[in-house]
Amino acid sequence: MAPNIATNTRVSLDELLDFVRPRHRAILLTRRADGSPQGSPLTCGVDDSGRIVVSTYPDRAKTRNAKRDPRVSLIVLSDDWNGPWVQIDGTAEVVDTPDSVEPLVEYYRNIAGEHPDWDEYREAMVKQGKSIIRVTPERWGPVATGGFPARLAPQGD
């Protein structure tokens, strides 16, 4: 079996956003009050303004942390564990209800397409008190692959 070789591909902002759009699995890293990292696995998308967006609730640690310290990082992963990934550092903006409703519509539309009942969706977002975190990319690493073996099999006798 041929080994996989780790890669690092530098990309422009437009290329970065093209890479992120079809990938919705990410880990958001925020800073706790003591400065230590706090990670949250989540679903993300790209809004029409080129920001990485995350649906959340106002009482979540990531939301409180981003309000206190807007410096955040996202690690966007491929569905395939061996697939490419990228780290994005940026500034977060938290938008709470009711101002979050239309950005949440855009978030849903950009990830999943059209909702069967937008009025119902908007009502649910208000009822749930949903917030949205918008991250403006400021720095990003190369799109990377890990070079993991295709299959890690246990060693026999």
Protein backbone atom coordinates (compact mmCIF):
# COMPACT_ATOMS: atom_id res chain seq x y z
CA MET A 1 0.00 0.00 0.00
CA ALA A 2 1.41 3.38 -0.98
CA PRO A 3 1.82 5.84 1.91
CA ASN A 4 -0.23 9.02 2.02
CA ILE A 5 1.94 12.12 2.01
CA ALA A 6 0.94 15.07 4.18
CA THR A 7 0.25 18.23 2.19
CA ASN A 8 -0.05 21.96 2.89
CA THR A 9 -1.66 24.10 0.20
CA ARG A 10 -1.70 27.86 0.66
CA VAL A 11 -4.95 29.44 -0.54
CA SER A 12 -6.39 32.90 -1.12
CA LEU A 13 -9.45 34.08 0.81
CA ASP A 14 -11.74 33.19 -2.11
CA GLU A 15 -10.17 29.72 -2.34
CA LEU A 16 -10.54 29.32 1.44
CA LEU A 17 -14.24 30.15 1.31
CA ASP A 18 -14.71 27.77 -1.64
CA PHE A 19 -13.03 25.07 0.46
CA VAL A 20 -15.23 25.74 3.52
CA ARG A 21 -18.64 26.04 1.78
CA PRO A 22 -19.24 22.29 1.26
CA ARG A 23 -17.72 21.38 4.64
CA HIS A 24 -19.91 21.88 7.68
CA ARG A 25 -18.00 20.09 10.46
CA ALA A 26 -15.81 22.30 12.57
CA ILE A 27 -14.38 22.91 16.01
CA LEU A 28 -14.68 26.46 17.31
CA LEU A 29 -11.96 27.50 19.75
CA THR A 30 -12.74 30.37 22.09
CA ARG A 31 -11.00 31.62 25.22
CA ARG A 32 -12.33 31.13 28.72
CA ALA A 33 -12.11 34.03 31.18
CA ASP A 34 -8.79 32.62 32.47
CA GLY A 35 -7.40 32.53 28.91
CA SER A 36 -7.47 28.75 28.51
CA PRO A 37 -8.97 27.32 25.30
CA GLN A 38 -12.52 26.02 25.07
CA GLY A 39 -13.44 23.87 22.07
CA SER A 40 -16.90 23.24 20.65
CA PRO A 41 -17.66 20.79 17.84
CA LEU A 42 -20.35 22.30 15.62
CA THR A 43 -21.90 22.84 12.23
CA CYS A 44 -20.75 25.88 10.26
CA GLY A 45 -21.43 27.59 6.97
CA VAL A 46 -20.34 30.61 4.95
CA ASP A 47 -22.63 33.64 4.73
CA ASP A 48 -23.07 35.86 1.69
CA SER A 49 -20.47 38.29 3.11
CA GLY A 50 -17.74 35.64 3.35
CA ARG A 51 -17.91 35.08 7.11
CA ILE A 52 -17.94 31.66 8.75
CA VAL A 53 -21.25 31.36 10.61
CA VAL A 54 -22.43 29.18 13.47
CA SER A 55 -25.90 28.79 14.96
CA THR A 56 -25.89 28.72 18.76
CA TYR A 57 -27.65 29.75 21.96
CA PRO A 58 -26.76 32.81 24.07
CA ASP A 59 -26.03 30.77 27.21
CA ARG A 60 -23.45 28.45 25.60
CA ALA A 61 -19.82 28.77 26.68
CA LYS A 62 -18.66 29.52 23.13
CA THR A 63 -21.15 32.38 22.87
CA ARG A 64 -20.24 33.93 26.23
CA ASN A 65 -16.54 33.53 25.47
CA ALA A 66 -16.82 35.11 22.00
CA LYS A 67 -18.72 38.08 23.45
CA ARG A 68 -16.00 38.62 26.05
CA ASP A 69 -13.04 37.98 23.72
CA PRO A 70 -13.85 37.97 19.99
CA ARG A 71 -10.53 36.37 18.98
CA VAL A 72 -11.49 32.85 17.86
CA SER A 73 -10.21 30.00 15.73
CA LEU A 74 -12.13 27.44 13.70
CA ILE A 75 -10.78 24.12 12.54
CA VAL A 76 -12.89 23.12 9.53
CA LEU A 77 -12.81 19.38 8.85
CA SER A 78 -13.77 17.19 5.92
CA ASP A 79 -16.36 14.46 6.42
CA ASP A 80 -13.61 11.90 5.71
CA TRP A 81 -11.15 11.74 8.61
CA ASN A 82 -8.27 11.55 6.13
CA GLY A 83 -9.63 14.48 4.16
CA PRO A 84 -8.26 18.01 4.04
CA TRP A 85 -8.80 20.54 6.82
CA VAL A 86 -7.89 24.13 7.64
CA GLN A 87 -7.55 26.38 10.67
CA ILE A 88 -9.06 29.86 10.39
CA ASP A 89 -8.33 32.62 12.91
CA GLY A 90 -10.61 35.62 13.05
CA THR A 91 -12.84 37.99 14.92
CA ALA A 92 -16.25 36.84 16.11
CA GLU A 93 -19.43 38.86 16.26
CA VAL A 94 -22.36 37.46 18.23
CA VAL A 95 -25.86 38.43 17.10
CA ASP A 96 -28.76 37.59 19.41
CA THR A 97 -32.52 37.37 18.82
CA PRO A 98 -34.36 39.13 17.25
CA ASP A 99 -31.50 40.48 15.09
CA SER A 100 -30.22 36.93 14.50
CA VAL A 101 -33.33 35.67 12.69
CA GLU A 102 -32.56 36.80 9.13
CA PRO A 103 -28.85 35.85 9.41
CA LEU A 104 -30.05 32.40 10.60
CA VAL A 105 -32.26 32.16 7.50
CA GLU A 106 -29.20 32.90 5.35
CA TYR A 107 -27.16 30.34 7.36
CA TYR A 108 -29.78 27.62 6.79
CA ARG A 109 -30.22 28.51 3.12
CA ASN A 110 -26.46 28.39 2.45
CA ILE A 111 -26.04 25.02 4.17
CA ALA A 112 -29.24 23.14 3.41
CA GLY A 113 -31.14 25.06 0.72
CA GLU A 114 -34.73 26.16 0.96
CA HIS A 115 -36.82 25.43 4.05
CA PRO A 116 -40.38 24.18 3.40
CA ASP A 117 -41.87 26.90 5.66
CA TRP A 118 -39.73 29.97 6.33
CA ASP A 119 -42.33 31.54 8.64
CA GLU A 120 -42.25 28.42 10.80
CA TYR A 121 -38.43 28.47 10.78
CA ARG A 122 -38.30 32.14 11.81
CA GLU A 123 -40.82 31.52 14.59
CA ALA A 124 -38.78 28.56 15.85
CA MET A 125 -35.58 30.65 15.91
CA VAL A 126 -37.29 33.33 18.01
CA LYS A 127 -38.96 30.77 20.31
CA GLN A 128 -35.61 29.01 20.85
CA GLY A 129 -33.79 32.34 21.34
CA LYS A 130 -31.13 31.34 18.81
CA SER A 131 -28.00 33.41 18.27
CA ILE A 132 -25.51 33.35 15.45
CA ILE A 133 -21.75 33.76 15.63
CA ARG A 134 -20.15 35.32 12.54
CA VAL A 135 -16.38 34.94 12.20
CA THR A 136 -14.50 37.24 9.86
CA PRO A 137 -11.42 35.33 8.61
CA GLU A 138 -8.22 37.28 9.24
CA ARG A 139 -5.58 34.57 9.01
CA TRP A 140 -5.70 30.97 7.91
CA GLY A 141 -3.28 28.14 7.65
CA PRO A 142 -2.77 26.18 4.52
CA VAL A 143 -5.37 23.60 3.60
CA ALA A 144 -3.73 20.48 4.96
CA THR A 145 -3.94 16.73 4.78
CA GLY A 146 -2.47 14.61 7.52
CA GLY A 147 -0.76 11.85 5.64
CA PHE A 148 -2.51 9.23 7.79
CA PRO A 149 -2.33 5.64 6.59
CA ALA A 150 -5.41 4.69 4.56
CA ARG A 151 -6.28 2.10 7.20
CA LEU A 152 -4.86 1.53 10.63
CA ALA A 153 -5.08 -2.23 11.05
CA PRO A 154 -4.16 -4.05 14.25
CA GLN A 155 -0.88 -5.92 14.06
CA GLY A 156 -1.26 -9.73 14.17
CA ASP A 157 1.09 -12.36 15.56
